[in-house]
Every structure is written in C-alpha cells, then in structure tokens.
Amino acid sequence: METNIAENRYIINVVRMSVMWTAASFCIYLLLYLNKYLPGSIFLNYYLEGATGAIGYLIAAPLYKYLKIRISFIISFILTLLGSIGILLF
C-alpha cells in the first residue's frame, strides 16, 4: 500500500515537471523566434535578453539555495504571471 502511494506521488511529480519544462521551453523558443520581429534593433534586443537572463540567474540561484524547490517554483511562476500581466496591460 505504501509503495502505491509513493508511486502515485512520483507519477504526479513527473507530470508536473513535464508540464513546467514544456511551458518553459515553449516560451524560450518562442522568444528566440519572435526576437527579430520586436521593435528596435535586433542586436539591442539580444543584448537585453542576455542581460535579463543574467539577472534571472542571479535571482534564481539564491532563491533555490535558501528556499525549497517547490516554493521557489511557485514564487517564480507568480513573478512570471505578474510580469506577463504587466506586459499585457502596458
């Protein structure tokens, strides 16, 4: 009985991580594809994308270190949702 519960929890975690990985990969490749269609210089757009990636890494590394992974994923998805809403509104 206990192994069945552990197996179900493992399957649920694998499905969740697969959905998160798929969403993140889709967003990254979509941004890379649409980068040339954004207003402004393509070089400036790539520089800004690299700068945001570096800032994101500097924020994510301590977040993962000091918080558990589940909480850090929740925080990162909330920040992403708020940023997306901000972009949509403005």
Protein backbone atom coordinates (compact mmCIF):
# COMPACT_ATOMS: atom_id res chain seq x y z
CA MET A 1 0.00 0.00 0.00
CA GLU A 2 2.80 2.41 0.87
CA THR A 3 4.65 1.78 -2.40
CA ASN A 4 1.47 2.51 -4.34
CA ILE A 5 1.19 5.93 -2.67
CA ALA A 6 4.86 6.65 -3.36
CA GLU A 7 4.47 5.60 -6.99
CA ASN A 8 1.42 7.83 -7.43
CA ARG A 9 3.26 10.78 -5.91
CA TYR A 10 6.22 10.11 -8.22
CA ILE A 11 3.98 9.99 -11.28
CA ILE A 12 2.24 13.22 -10.31
CA ASN A 13 5.60 14.95 -9.81
CA VAL A 14 6.87 13.73 -13.18
CA VAL A 15 3.74 15.03 -14.91
CA ARG A 16 4.04 18.41 -13.16
CA MET A 17 7.70 18.77 -14.07
CA SER A 18 6.98 17.75 -17.67
CA VAL A 19 4.32 20.45 -17.97
CA MET A 20 6.63 23.05 -16.42
CA TRP A 21 9.51 22.04 -18.70
CA THR A 22 7.26 22.14 -21.78
CA ALA A 23 5.92 25.60 -20.91
CA ALA A 24 9.39 27.00 -20.21
CA SER A 25 10.86 25.52 -23.41
CA PHE A 26 7.97 26.83 -25.49
CA CYS A 27 8.42 30.34 -24.06
CA ILE A 28 12.17 30.35 -24.62
CA TYR A 29 11.97 29.16 -28.22
CA LEU A 30 9.06 31.49 -28.97
CA LEU A 31 11.03 34.46 -27.65
CA LEU A 32 14.05 33.47 -29.72
CA TYR A 33 11.89 33.16 -32.82
CA LEU A 34 9.98 36.41 -32.30
CA ASN A 35 13.01 38.44 -31.23
CA LYS A 36 13.64 39.64 -34.77
CA TYR A 37 10.07 40.97 -35.01
CA LEU A 38 10.23 43.06 -31.84
CA PRO A 39 10.57 46.81 -32.30
CA GLY A 40 14.08 48.19 -32.08
CA SER A 41 17.41 46.86 -33.16
CA ILE A 42 17.83 43.08 -33.21
CA PHE A 43 21.25 43.49 -31.58
CA LEU A 44 19.83 45.56 -28.72
CA ASN A 45 17.03 43.01 -28.26
CA TYR A 46 19.53 40.16 -27.93
CA TYR A 47 21.69 42.16 -25.52
CA LEU A 48 18.66 42.94 -23.36
CA GLU A 49 17.60 39.30 -23.46
CA GLY A 50 21.06 38.24 -22.30
CA ALA A 51 21.03 40.84 -19.53
CA THR A 52 17.65 39.66 -18.26
CA GLY A 53 18.89 36.07 -18.34
CA ALA A 54 21.89 37.02 -16.23
CA ILE A 55 19.70 38.93 -13.77
CA GLY A 56 17.33 35.98 -13.62
CA TYR A 57 20.19 33.65 -12.82
CA LEU A 58 21.46 35.95 -10.08
CA ILE A 59 17.99 35.94 -8.51
CA ALA A 60 17.26 32.24 -9.03
CA ALA A 61 20.47 30.80 -7.61
CA PRO A 62 20.00 32.17 -4.06
CA LEU A 63 16.26 31.51 -4.28
CA TYR A 64 16.86 27.81 -4.95
CA LYS A 65 19.61 27.65 -2.34
CA TYR A 66 17.68 29.15 0.58
CA LEU A 67 14.14 28.03 -0.25
CA LYS A 68 12.91 24.63 -1.18
CA ILE A 69 12.43 23.92 -4.86
CA ARG A 70 8.66 23.78 -4.62
CA ILE A 71 8.41 27.22 -3.00
CA SER A 72 10.93 28.71 -5.42
CA PHE A 73 8.95 27.36 -8.41
CA ILE A 74 5.76 28.86 -7.01
CA ILE A 75 7.47 32.23 -6.49
CA SER A 76 8.98 32.20 -9.97
CA PHE A 77 5.66 31.35 -11.62
CA ILE A 78 3.90 34.11 -9.67
CA LEU A 79 6.56 36.62 -10.74
CA THR A 80 6.23 35.45 -14.33
CA LEU A 81 2.46 35.78 -14.18
CA LEU A 82 2.69 39.30 -12.75
CA GLY A 83 5.23 40.30 -15.39
CA SER A 84 3.06 38.88 -18.16
CA ILE A 85 0.02 40.76 -16.88
CA GLY A 86 2.12 43.95 -16.71
CA ILE A 87 3.27 43.50 -20.30
CA LEU A 88 -0.30 42.78 -21.40
CA LEU A 89 -1.69 45.88 -19.71
CA PHE A 90 1.03 48.31 -20.72
